[in-house]
C-alpha atoms as a PDB file:
ATOM      1  CA  MET A   1      16.691  17.536   3.086  1.00  0.00           C
ATOM      2  CA  LYS A   2      12.937  17.775   2.688  1.00  0.00           C
ATOM      3  CA  ARG A   3      10.944  15.667   5.135  1.00  0.00           C
ATOM      4  CA  LEU A   4       8.591  13.210   3.493  1.00  0.00           C
ATOM      5  CA  ALA A   5       6.080  10.730   4.796  1.00  0.00           C
ATOM      6  CA  LEU A   6       6.529   7.039   4.164  1.00  0.00           C
ATOM      7  CA  PHE A   7       3.135   5.927   2.965  1.00  0.00           C
ATOM      8  CA  SER A   8       2.175   2.394   2.003  1.00  0.00           C
ATOM      9  CA  THR A   9      -1.039   1.191   0.479  1.00  0.00           C
ATOM     10  CA  LEU A  10      -2.757  -2.151   0.733  1.00  0.00           C
ATOM     11  CA  ALA A  11      -5.046  -3.034  -2.140  1.00  0.00           C
ATOM     12  CA  VAL A  12      -7.468  -5.739  -1.082  1.00  0.00           C
ATOM     13  CA  LEU A  13     -10.182  -5.984  -3.708  1.00  0.00           C
ATOM     14  CA  VAL A  14     -13.361  -8.038  -3.809  1.00  0.00           C
ATOM     15  CA  CYS A  15     -15.239  -7.226  -6.997  1.00  0.00           C
ATOM     16  CA  GLY A  16     -17.452  -9.451  -9.104  1.00  0.00           C
ATOM     17  CA  THR A  17     -17.445 -13.223  -8.711  1.00  0.00           C
ATOM     18  CA  PRO A  18     -14.861 -15.914  -9.580  1.00  0.00           C
ATOM     19  CA  ALA A  19     -17.181 -17.121 -12.333  1.00  0.00           C
ATOM     20  CA  LEU A  20     -17.004 -13.733 -14.058  1.00  0.00           C
ATOM     21  CA  ALA A  21     -13.438 -12.555 -13.445  1.00  0.00           C
ATOM     22  CA  ASP A  22      -9.997 -13.725 -12.412  1.00  0.00           C
ATOM     23  CA  GLN A  23      -9.918 -12.429  -8.830  1.00  0.00           C
ATOM     24  CA  ALA A  24      -6.125 -12.715  -8.548  1.00  0.00           C
ATOM     25  CA  GLY A  25      -5.466  -9.628 -10.685  1.00  0.00           C
ATOM     26  CA  PHE A  26      -6.162  -6.031  -9.700  1.00  0.00           C
ATOM     27  CA  LEU A  27      -5.746  -2.389 -10.583  1.00  0.00           C
ATOM     28  CA  TYR A  28      -5.526  -0.020  -7.623  1.00  0.00           C
ATOM     29  CA  THR A  29      -4.902   3.719  -7.529  1.00  0.00           C
ATOM     30  CA  THR A  30      -4.894   6.156  -4.625  1.00  0.00           C
ATOM     31  CA  ALA A  31      -4.191   9.786  -3.728  1.00  0.00           C
ATOM     32  CA  VAL A  32      -3.401  10.721  -0.121  1.00  0.00           C
ATOM     33  CA  ASP A  33      -2.972  14.201   1.343  1.00  0.00           C
ATOM     34  CA  VAL A  34      -0.376  13.763   4.119  1.00  0.00           C
ATOM     35  CA  ALA A  35      -1.146  16.847   6.179  1.00  0.00           C
ATOM     36  CA  ARG A  36       1.873  16.940   8.479  1.00  0.00           C
ATOM     37  CA  TYR A  37       4.182  17.310   5.481  1.00  0.00           C
ATOM     38  CA  GLY A  38       1.823  19.166   3.146  1.00  0.00           C
ATOM     39  CA  ASP A  39       2.507  16.376   0.645  1.00  0.00           C
ATOM     40  CA  ILE A  40       0.127  14.617  -1.749  1.00  0.00           C
ATOM     41  CA  VAL A  41       1.182  11.049  -2.575  1.00  0.00           C
ATOM     42  CA  THR A  42      -0.353   9.325  -5.591  1.00  0.00           C
ATOM     43  CA  SER A  43       0.153   5.733  -6.685  1.00  0.00           C
ATOM     44  CA  LEU A  44      -1.051   3.213  -9.231  1.00  0.00           C
ATOM     45  CA  ASP A  45      -0.450  -0.532  -9.304  1.00  0.00           C
ATOM     46  CA  ALA A  46      -1.798  -2.993 -11.881  1.00  0.00           C
ATOM     47  CA  MET A  47      -0.952  -6.680 -11.447  1.00  0.00           C
ATOM     48  CA  LYS A  48      -2.266  -9.437 -13.706  1.00  0.00           C
ATOM     49  CA  PRO A  49      -1.512 -13.187 -13.431  1.00  0.00           C
ATOM     50  CA  ILE A  50      -1.292 -15.216 -16.634  1.00  0.00           C
ATOM     51  CA  GLY A  51      -2.662 -18.706 -17.174  1.00  0.00           C
ATOM     52  CA  SER A  52      -5.277 -20.823 -15.448  1.00  0.00           C
ATOM     53  CA  PRO A  53      -6.874 -19.245 -12.339  1.00  0.00           C
ATOM     54  CA  ASN A  54      -6.904 -22.746 -10.820  1.00  0.00           C
ATOM     55  CA  SER A  55      -3.105 -23.018 -10.844  1.00  0.00           C
ATOM     56  CA  ARG A  56      -1.217 -22.081  -7.683  1.00  0.00           C
ATOM     57  CA  VAL A  57       1.969 -21.219  -9.595  1.00  0.00           C
ATOM     58  CA  ARG A  58       1.477 -18.530 -12.229  1.00  0.00           C
ATOM     59  CA  PRO A  59       3.540 -15.915 -14.063  1.00  0.00           C
ATOM     60  CA  PHE A  60       2.300 -12.322 -13.806  1.00  0.00           C
ATOM     61  CA  THR A  61       2.911  -8.816 -15.094  1.00  0.00           C
ATOM     62  CA  ASP A  62       3.029  -5.714 -12.918  1.00  0.00           C
ATOM     63  CA  VAL A  63       2.964  -2.004 -13.775  1.00  0.00           C
ATOM     64  CA  PHE A  64       3.386   0.567 -11.006  1.00  0.00           C
ATOM     65  CA  LEU A  65       3.815   4.284 -10.430  1.00  0.00           C
ATOM     66  CA  PHE A  66       4.521   6.455  -7.372  1.00  0.00           C
ATOM     67  CA  ARG A  67       4.468  10.237  -7.427  1.00  0.00           C
ATOM     68  CA  ASP A  68       4.390  12.940  -4.767  1.00  0.00           C
ATOM     69  CA  THR A  69       4.670  16.697  -4.598  1.00  0.00           C
ATOM     70  CA  LYS A  70       7.748  17.083  -2.373  1.00  0.00           C
ATOM     71  CA  SER A  71      10.419  14.511  -3.132  1.00  0.00           C
ATOM     72  CA  ALA A  72      12.080  16.382  -6.009  1.00  0.00           C
ATOM     73  CA  ASN A  73      15.848  16.584  -5.406  1.00  0.00           C
ATOM     74  CA  SER A  74      15.575  14.443  -2.268  1.00  0.00           C
ATOM     75  CA  THR A  75      18.834  12.737  -1.295  1.00  0.00           C
ATOM     76  CA  VAL A  76      17.055  10.155   0.876  1.00  0.00           C
ATOM     77  CA  PRO A  77      15.684   6.994  -0.784  1.00  0.00           C
ATOM     78  CA  ARG A  78      11.946   6.397  -0.367  1.00  0.00           C
ATOM     79  CA  ILE A  79      10.181   3.165  -1.203  1.00  0.00           C
ATOM     80  CA  TYR A  80       6.563   4.313  -1.322  1.00  0.00           C
ATOM     81  CA  ASN A  81       6.761   7.996  -2.211  1.00  0.00           C
ATOM     82  CA  ASP A  82       9.715   8.279  -4.531  1.00  0.00           C
ATOM     83  CA  ASN A  83       8.920   9.650  -7.997  1.00  0.00           C
ATOM     84  CA  TYR A  84       9.200   6.709 -10.384  1.00  0.00           C
ATOM     85  CA  ALA A  85       7.315   4.365 -12.696  1.00  0.00           C
ATOM     86  CA  GLY A  86       8.140   0.780 -13.533  1.00  0.00           C
ATOM     87  CA  ALA A  87       7.101  -2.486 -15.100  1.00  0.00           C
ATOM     88  CA  ALA A  88       7.993  -6.069 -14.263  1.00  0.00           C
ATOM     89  CA  VAL A  89       7.293  -9.720 -14.951  1.00  0.00           C
ATOM     90  CA  GLY A  90       7.357 -12.335 -12.240  1.00  0.00           C
ATOM     91  CA  LEU A  91       6.304 -15.674 -10.839  1.00  0.00           C
ATOM     92  CA  GLN A  92       3.989 -16.211  -7.876  1.00  0.00           C
ATOM     93  CA  TYR A  93       2.738 -19.032  -5.685  1.00  0.00           C
ATOM     94  CA  THR A  94      -0.644 -18.535  -4.005  1.00  0.00           C
ATOM     95  CA  THR A  95      -2.954 -20.565  -1.790  1.00  0.00           C
ATOM     96  CA  PRO A  96      -6.715 -20.282  -1.229  1.00  0.00           C
ATOM     97  CA  GLY A  97      -5.966 -19.307   2.370  1.00  0.00           C
ATOM     98  CA  GLY A  98      -4.484 -15.933   1.396  1.00  0.00           C
ATOM     99  CA  PHE A  99      -0.724 -16.698   1.224  1.00  0.00           C
ATOM    100  CA  ARG A 100       1.411 -15.418  -1.670  1.00  0.00           C
ATOM    101  CA  ALA A 101       5.126 -15.814  -2.425  1.00  0.00           C
ATOM    102  CA  PHE A 102       6.507 -13.923  -5.417  1.00  0.00           C
ATOM    103  CA  ALA A 103       9.598 -12.761  -7.267  1.00  0.00           C
ATOM    104  CA  GLN A 104       9.643 -10.218 -10.084  1.00  0.00           C
ATOM    105  CA  VAL A 105      12.221  -8.466 -12.239  1.00  0.00           C
ATOM    106  CA  GLY A 106      11.812  -5.339 -14.325  1.00  0.00           C
ATOM    107  CA  GLY A 107      12.919  -1.776 -14.729  1.00  0.00           C
ATOM    108  CA  THR A 108      12.078   1.725 -13.485  1.00  0.00           C
ATOM    109  CA  THR A 109      12.331   5.266 -14.750  1.00  0.00           C
ATOM    110  CA  ASN A 110      12.412   8.386 -12.611  1.00  0.00           C
ATOM    111  CA  LEU A 111       9.624  10.950 -12.887  1.00  0.00           C
ATOM    112  CA  GLY A 112      11.206  14.338 -12.458  1.00  0.00           C
ATOM    113  CA  SER A 113      14.386  15.165 -10.585  1.00  0.00           C
ATOM    114  CA  VAL A 114      15.102  12.480  -7.984  1.00  0.00           C
ATOM    115  CA  VAL A 115      18.774  12.012  -7.144  1.00  0.00           C
ATOM    116  CA  ALA A 116      18.536   9.441  -4.339  1.00  0.00           C
ATOM    117  CA  VAL A 117      17.977   6.363  -6.525  1.00  0.00           C
ATOM    118  CA  PRO A 118      18.673   6.335 -10.292  1.00  0.00           C
ATOM    119  CA  SER A 119      16.568   4.615 -12.930  1.00  0.00           C
ATOM    120  CA  GLY A 120      17.464   1.075 -13.855  1.00  0.00           C
ATOM    121  CA  GLY A 121      16.839  -2.561 -13.058  1.00  0.00           C
ATOM    122  CA  ASP A 122      14.405  -3.477 -10.314  1.00  0.00           C
ATOM    123  CA  PHE A 123      14.076  -6.833  -8.544  1.00  0.00           C
ATOM    124  CA  ARG A 124      11.482  -7.502  -5.860  1.00  0.00           C
ATOM    125  CA  GLY A 125      10.600 -10.636  -3.962  1.00  0.00           C
ATOM    126  CA  GLY A 126       8.742 -11.502  -0.813  1.00  0.00           C
ATOM    127  CA  LEU A 127       5.932 -13.100   1.121  1.00  0.00           C
ATOM    128  CA  GLN A 128       2.393 -11.794   1.716  1.00  0.00           C
ATOM    129  CA  TYR A 129      -0.559 -12.999   3.740  1.00  0.00           C
ATOM    130  CA  TYR A 130      -4.114 -11.688   3.800  1.00  0.00           C
ATOM    131  CA  ARG A 131      -7.157 -12.804   5.792  1.00  0.00           C
ATOM    132  CA  GLU A 132     -10.560 -11.188   6.282  1.00  0.00           C
ATOM    133  CA  TRP A 133     -13.660 -11.884   8.339  1.00  0.00           C
ATOM    134  CA  GLY A 134     -17.167 -10.461   8.307  1.00  0.00           C
ATOM    135  CA  PRO A 135     -18.917 -10.677   4.903  1.00  0.00           C
ATOM    136  CA  ALA A 136     -20.675  -7.679   3.370  1.00  0.00           C
ATOM    137  CA  SER A 137     -23.978  -8.823   4.851  1.00  0.00           C
ATOM    138  CA  GLN A 138     -22.661  -8.378   8.403  1.00  0.00           C
ATOM    139  CA  ARG A 139     -22.379  -5.112  10.296  1.00  0.00           C
ATOM    140  CA  THR A 140     -18.826  -5.655  11.562  1.00  0.00           C
ATOM    141  CA  TYR A 141     -15.773  -6.730   9.593  1.00  0.00           C
ATOM    142  CA  GLY A 142     -12.038  -7.131   9.954  1.00  0.00           C
ATOM    143  CA  ASN A 143      -8.927  -8.016   7.985  1.00  0.00           C
ATOM    144  CA  PHE A 144      -5.212  -8.632   8.397  1.00  0.00           C
ATOM    145  CA  TYR A 145      -2.418  -8.056   5.912  1.00  0.00           C
ATOM    146  CA  GLY A 146       1.247  -8.830   6.472  1.00  0.00           C
ATOM    147  CA  SER A 147       4.191  -8.714   4.078  1.00  0.00           C
ATOM    148  CA  ILE A 148       7.969  -8.806   3.900  1.00  0.00           C
ATOM    149  CA  THR A 149       9.515  -7.564   0.653  1.00  0.00           C
ATOM    150  CA  TYR A 150      13.046  -7.064  -0.644  1.00  0.00           C
ATOM    151  CA  PHE A 151      13.550  -4.038  -2.959  1.00  0.00           C
ATOM    152  CA  SER A 152      16.792  -4.158  -4.970  1.00  0.00           C
ATOM    153  CA  ARG A 153      16.264  -0.540  -6.020  1.00  0.00           C
ATOM    154  CA  TYR A 154      16.818   0.490  -2.398  1.00  0.00           C
ATOM    155  CA  GLN A 155      18.856  -2.533  -1.236  1.00  0.00           C
ATOM    156  CA  ASP A 156      16.377  -2.764   1.596  1.00  0.00           C
ATOM    157  CA  THR A 157      13.922  -5.296   3.042  1.00  0.00           C
ATOM    158  CA  LEU A 158      10.686  -3.860   4.406  1.00  0.00           C
ATOM    159  CA  SER A 159       8.055  -5.522   6.598  1.00  0.00           C
ATOM    160  CA  TYR A 160       4.530  -4.087   6.717  1.00  0.00           C
ATOM    161  CA  ASN A 161       1.692  -5.390   8.898  1.00  0.00           C
ATOM    162  CA  GLN A 162      -1.803  -4.063   9.517  1.00  0.00           C
ATOM    163  CA  MET A 163      -5.145  -5.068  11.002  1.00  0.00           C
ATOM    164  CA  GLU A 164      -8.399  -3.212  10.347  1.00  0.00           C
ATOM    165  CA  PHE A 165     -11.560  -3.489  12.403  1.00  0.00           C
ATOM    166  CA  GLY A 166     -14.663  -1.728  11.167  1.00  0.00           C
ATOM    167  CA  THR A 167     -18.413  -1.222  11.400  1.00  0.00           C
ATOM    168  CA  ARG A 168     -20.666  -0.723   8.401  1.00  0.00           C
ATOM    169  CA  ILE A 169     -23.366   1.937   8.631  1.00  0.00           C
ATOM    170  CA  GLY A 170     -26.266   1.489   6.273  1.00  0.00           C
ATOM    171  CA  ARG A 171     -26.981  -1.303   3.814  1.00  0.00           C
ATOM    172  CA  GLY A 172     -26.450  -1.811   0.143  1.00  0.00           C
ATOM    173  CA  SER A 173     -23.622  -0.520  -1.992  1.00  0.00           C
ATOM    174  CA  HIS A 174     -23.699   3.105  -0.753  1.00  0.00           C
ATOM    175  CA  HIS A 175     -22.771   2.356   2.845  1.00  0.00           C
ATOM    176  CA  THR A 176     -20.271   4.046   5.177  1.00  0.00           C
ATOM    177  CA  GLU A 177     -17.551   2.410   7.289  1.00  0.00           C
ATOM    178  CA  LEU A 178     -16.068   3.487  10.612  1.00  0.00           C
ATOM    179  CA  TYR A 179     -12.728   1.753  11.166  1.00  0.00           C
ATOM    180  CA  PHE A 180      -9.733   1.395  13.450  1.00  0.00           C
ATOM    181  CA  ARG A 181      -6.356   0.239  12.078  1.00  0.00           C
ATOM    182  CA  PRO A 182      -3.054  -0.473  13.889  1.00  0.00           C
ATOM    183  CA  THR A 183       0.023  -0.816  11.638  1.00  0.00           C
ATOM    184  CA  LEU A 184       3.677  -1.717  12.109  1.00  0.00           C
ATOM    185  CA  THR A 185       6.410  -0.957   9.551  1.00  0.00           C
ATOM    186  CA  LEU A 186      10.067  -2.036   9.879  1.00  0.00           C
ATOM    187  CA  ASP A 187      13.040  -2.112   7.518  1.00  0.00           C
ATOM    188  CA  THR A 188      16.644  -3.318   7.478  1.00  0.00           C
ATOM    189  CA  HIS A 189      18.223   0.109   6.890  1.00  0.00           C
ATOM    190  CA  GLN A 190      16.915   1.457  10.186  1.00  0.00           C
ATOM    191  CA  TYR A 191      15.579   4.638   8.571  1.00  0.00           C
ATOM    192  CA  TYR A 192      13.462   6.366  11.181  1.00  0.00           C
ATOM    193  CA  TYR A 193      10.574   6.907   8.742  1.00  0.00           C
ATOM    194  CA  SER A 194      10.448   3.186   7.864  1.00  0.00           C
ATOM    195  CA  ASN A 195      10.327   1.999  11.477  1.00  0.00           C
ATOM    196  CA  VAL A 196       7.060   3.198  12.896  1.00  0.00           C
ATOM    197  CA  ALA A 197       3.961   2.016  14.735  1.00  0.00           C
ATOM    198  CA  GLU A 198       0.663   3.770  14.031  1.00  0.00           C
ATOM    199  CA  ILE A 199      -2.934   3.699  15.182  1.00  0.00           C
ATOM    200  CA  THR A 200      -5.412   5.149  12.700  1.00  0.00           C
ATOM    201  CA  ALA A 201      -9.123   5.911  13.044  1.00  0.00           C
ATOM    202  CA  GLY A 202     -11.207   6.897  10.071  1.00  0.00           C
ATOM    203  CA  ILE A 203     -14.454   7.002   8.166  1.00  0.00           C
ATOM    204  CA  ARG A 204     -14.792   5.651   4.613  1.00  0.00           C
ATOM    205  CA  PHE A 205     -17.529   6.591   2.148  1.00  0.00           C
ATOM    206  CA  TYR A 206     -18.755   4.763  -0.981  1.00  0.00           C
ATOM    207  CA  PRO A 207     -20.427   7.642  -2.884  1.00  0.00           C
ATOM    208  CA  PHE A 208     -20.646   5.639  -6.143  1.00  0.00           C
ATOM    209  CA  GLY A 209     -21.380   2.242  -4.628  1.00  0.00           C
ATOM    210  CA  SER A 210     -19.217  -0.722  -3.696  1.00  0.00           C
ATOM    211  CA  HIS A 211     -17.560  -0.880  -7.117  1.00  0.00           C
ATOM    212  CA  GLY A 212     -16.680   2.807  -7.372  1.00  0.00           C
ATOM    213  CA  PRO A 213     -14.051   5.080  -5.831  1.00  0.00           C
ATOM    214  CA  THR A 214     -13.946   5.500  -2.045  1.00  0.00           C
ATOM    215  CA  VAL A 215     -13.309   8.638  -0.023  1.00  0.00           C
ATOM    216  CA  ALA A 216     -11.776   8.310   3.451  1.00  0.00           C
ATOM    217  CA  ILE A 217     -10.917  10.768   6.209  1.00  0.00           C
ATOM    218  CA  GLU A 218      -8.299   9.491   8.673  1.00  0.00           C
ATOM    219  CA  GLU A 219      -6.401  10.669  11.724  1.00  0.00           C
ATOM    220  CA  ALA A 220      -3.239   8.724  12.614  1.00  0.00           C
ATOM    221  CA  ALA A 221      -1.126   8.737  15.770  1.00  0.00           C
ATOM    222  CA  GLY A 222       2.364   7.346  15.247  1.00  0.00           C
ATOM    223  CA  GLN A 223       5.641   6.692  17.007  1.00  0.00           C
ATOM    224  CA  TYR A 224       9.062   6.197  15.441  1.00  0.00           C
ATOM    225  CA  LEU A 225      10.712   3.058  16.799  1.00  0.00           C
ATOM    226  CA  ARG A 226      14.324   4.083  16.164  1.00  0.00           C
ATOM    227  CA  GLY A 227      14.268   7.251  18.249  1.00  0.00           C
ATOM    228  CA  GLY A 228      18.046   7.444  18.615  1.00  0.00           C
ATOM    229  CA  LEU A 229      18.411   8.079  14.872  1.00  0.00           C
ATOM    230  CA  LEU A 230      15.903  10.936  14.580  1.00  0.00           C
ATOM    231  CA  PRO A 231      17.120  14.100  12.818  1.00  0.00           C
ATOM    232  CA  VAL A 232      17.105  17.423  14.605  1.00  0.00           C
ATOM    233  CA  GLY A 233      13.560  18.790  14.784  1.00  0.00           C
ATOM    234  CA  ILE A 234      11.820  15.416  14.377  1.00  0.00           C
ATOM    235  CA  GLY A 235       9.855  14.279  17.438  1.00  0.00           C
ATOM    236  CA  SER A 236       9.433  10.617  18.350  1.00  0.00           C
ATOM    237  CA  THR A 237       5.607  10.850  18.126  1.00  0.00           C
ATOM    238  CA  TYR A 238       3.280  12.599  15.705  1.00  0.00           C
ATOM    239  CA  LEU A 239      -0.312  13.114  14.596  1.00  0.00           C
ATOM    240  CA  ASP A 240      -1.293  13.082  10.938  1.00  0.00           C
ATOM    241  CA  PHE A 241      -4.535  13.955   9.124  1.00  0.00           C
ATOM    242  CA  ARG A 242      -4.914  12.012   5.848  1.00  0.00           C
ATOM    243  CA  PRO A 243      -7.824  12.531   3.433  1.00  0.00           C
ATOM    244  CA  THR A 244      -7.715   9.750   0.837  1.00  0.00           C
ATOM    245  CA  ILE A 245      -9.341   8.913  -2.501  1.00  0.00           C
ATOM    246  CA  ALA A 246      -8.916   5.346  -3.753  1.00  0.00           C
ATOM    247  CA  TYR A 247     -10.235   3.101  -6.499  1.00  0.00           C
ATOM    248  CA  GLY A 248      -9.690  -0.587  -7.107  1.00  0.00           C
ATOM    249  CA  VAL A 249     -11.018  -3.192  -9.496  1.00  0.00           C
ATOM    250  CA  ASN A 250     -10.248  -6.814 -10.317  1.00  0.00           C
ATOM    251  CA  ILE A 251      -8.753  -7.396 -13.769  1.00  0.00           C
END
């Protein structure tokens, strides 16, 4: 079995103004070099609500793709770095305070040889909450994101929670951010790689301005929380260097 990193991505996008665009929809893509496994994980997610932006209950469409360089022929199911693409339609309930409840149904197709989970129907549903503080005009900022999601493809429920605290260096759209981010990931299958606490420190650059791609350099320290289930050769703690390129835009 090839060892792979479980990598999850939060897309929190603030682009344009509500008068110019529907802020509830987004397109987000990222590529992460997970150094401890020598694995590059790429992803794309495009979600677009339909109907009046003033309505709390709205249908939406979602198109997503996950691809990495080492999960070919893996016999272990992975939620965030399996090789597959999919599309879905769903219904969501949102509040101005950052809460979202959703359910979606669709289908997936494998990209390459992945034997752990076959192509087919895909149902997802869950709860999400996001809150941020510190506008762009302030030097310091912070945000919180928490979610619990059921994935029928893996017959698994996963909880992901993170907080990020940062300091902006420089003004205008070409600034730099120094940040600190604790995360906690848990799932109902008790896979060791899905039950982990991490502390990450990094620096994020905006070489093309606030509305362009970002480049980040991170170092993470993690600990698996189900140590009794670790395979031979896997330690309970680890360090991981993660260069990242990401781009997001409201749609």
